[in-house]
């Protein structure tokens, strides 16, 4: 099924589709920022859905190393994404500049009537 058909069949609203795309891009960027030894394990386990044993065999490393690297990669991603959310949080309800001036002008105009 092509992308257009999937979107047409989906009950997802356009704004949710855009948000999902933006979130996916942030996740991809954050995964790309991981150190290579952690990124490789994370991609094999999370994206390619290999088991711990399959990942260990493909990288020729012990299974415990796979578990450790995957755990560290997820922790680094959580921390990095939390920082991203913290930065964005300040922008959610930013009230200043021209927007503020417009709101104040509208309130004063309504009060004057």
Protein backbone atom coordinates (compact mmCIF):
# COMPACT_ATOMS: atom_id res chain seq x y z
CA UNK A 1 0.00 0.00 0.00
CA UNK A 2 1.47 3.36 -0.94
CA UNK A 3 1.76 6.33 1.38
CA UNK A 4 -1.23 8.19 -0.07
CA UNK A 5 -3.49 5.17 0.38
CA UNK A 6 -2.31 4.66 3.96
CA UNK A 7 -3.01 8.31 4.78
CA UNK A 8 -6.42 8.16 3.10
CA UNK A 9 -7.32 4.97 5.01
CA UNK A 10 -6.09 6.34 8.29
CA UNK A 11 -8.34 8.00 10.82
CA UNK A 12 -5.35 10.10 11.86
CA UNK A 13 -5.83 13.82 11.41
CA UNK A 14 -3.36 15.80 9.28
CA UNK A 15 -1.96 17.64 12.30
CA UNK A 16 -1.29 14.32 14.05
CA UNK A 17 0.45 13.02 10.94
CA UNK A 18 2.66 16.13 10.84
CA UNK A 19 3.41 15.82 14.55
CA UNK A 20 4.33 12.14 14.11
CA UNK A 21 6.69 13.06 11.27
CA UNK A 22 8.33 15.78 13.36
CA UNK A 23 8.75 13.45 16.33
CA UNK A 24 10.23 10.77 14.08
CA UNK A 25 12.76 13.29 12.76
CA UNK A 26 13.78 14.28 16.28
CA UNK A 27 14.17 10.61 17.24
CA UNK A 28 16.23 9.89 14.13
CA UNK A 29 18.49 12.86 14.87
CA UNK A 30 18.93 11.78 18.49
CA UNK A 31 19.74 8.20 17.47
CA UNK A 32 22.29 9.57 14.98
CA UNK A 33 23.93 11.50 17.84
CA UNK A 34 24.56 8.34 19.88
CA UNK A 35 28.15 7.04 19.99
CA UNK A 36 28.58 4.50 17.19
CA UNK A 37 29.06 1.46 19.44
CA UNK A 38 25.75 2.22 21.17
CA UNK A 39 23.93 3.33 18.02
CA UNK A 40 24.70 0.08 16.18
CA UNK A 41 23.30 -2.04 19.01
CA UNK A 42 20.26 0.22 19.41
CA UNK A 43 19.43 0.08 15.69
CA UNK A 44 19.86 -3.69 15.50
CA UNK A 45 17.68 -4.25 18.57
CA UNK A 46 15.02 -1.53 18.16
CA UNK A 47 14.82 -0.89 14.44
CA UNK A 48 15.82 -4.24 12.97
CA UNK A 49 14.19 -6.07 15.91
CA UNK A 50 17.03 -8.57 16.30
CA UNK A 51 17.19 -10.58 19.50
CA UNK A 52 20.04 -10.15 21.95
CA UNK A 53 21.57 -13.39 20.65
CA UNK A 54 21.26 -12.35 16.99
CA UNK A 55 22.75 -8.94 17.73
CA UNK A 56 25.65 -10.47 19.65
CA UNK A 57 26.33 -12.94 16.84
CA UNK A 58 26.21 -10.27 14.13
CA UNK A 59 28.61 -7.99 16.03
CA UNK A 60 30.77 -10.80 17.44
CA UNK A 61 30.37 -9.50 20.99
CA UNK A 62 29.04 -11.15 24.16
CA UNK A 63 25.29 -11.03 24.81
CA UNK A 64 25.86 -9.17 28.07
CA UNK A 65 27.68 -6.45 26.11
CA UNK A 66 24.66 -6.14 23.84
CA UNK A 67 22.38 -5.76 26.86
CA UNK A 68 24.66 -3.17 28.46
CA UNK A 69 25.07 -1.11 25.30
CA UNK A 70 21.35 -1.23 24.56
CA UNK A 71 20.54 -0.12 28.12
CA UNK A 72 23.04 2.76 27.86
CA UNK A 73 21.76 3.81 24.43
CA UNK A 74 18.18 3.96 25.70
CA UNK A 75 19.29 5.94 28.74
CA UNK A 76 21.19 8.43 26.61
CA UNK A 77 18.18 8.79 24.29
CA UNK A 78 15.85 9.40 27.24
CA UNK A 79 18.15 12.05 28.63
CA UNK A 80 18.63 13.72 25.26
CA UNK A 81 14.90 13.71 24.50
CA UNK A 82 14.12 15.06 27.98
CA UNK A 83 16.45 17.99 27.30
CA UNK A 84 14.72 18.56 23.96
CA UNK A 85 11.34 18.65 25.72
CA UNK A 86 12.68 21.00 28.39
CA UNK A 87 13.90 23.43 25.71
CA UNK A 88 10.59 23.25 23.85
CA UNK A 89 8.56 23.63 27.02
CA UNK A 90 9.57 27.26 27.35
CA UNK A 91 8.20 27.98 23.88
CA UNK A 92 4.77 26.44 24.40
CA UNK A 93 3.05 29.46 25.86
CA UNK A 94 5.54 32.17 25.08
CA UNK A 95 3.81 35.49 25.46
CA UNK A 96 5.82 38.44 24.30
CA UNK A 97 6.78 40.82 21.58
CA UNK A 98 4.34 41.65 18.80
CA UNK A 99 1.91 38.93 19.87
CA UNK A 100 1.69 40.44 23.34
CA UNK A 101 1.23 43.94 21.91
CA UNK A 102 -1.63 42.72 19.72
CA UNK A 103 -3.42 41.02 22.61
CA UNK A 104 -3.04 44.10 24.82
CA UNK A 105 -4.36 46.36 22.04
CA UNK A 106 -7.41 44.10 21.55
CA UNK A 107 -8.17 44.02 25.28
CA UNK A 108 -7.84 47.80 25.60
CA UNK A 109 -10.05 48.32 22.54
CA UNK A 110 -12.76 46.11 24.05
CA UNK A 111 -12.53 47.84 27.39
CA UNK A 112 -12.95 51.24 25.71
CA UNK A 113 -16.28 50.22 24.15
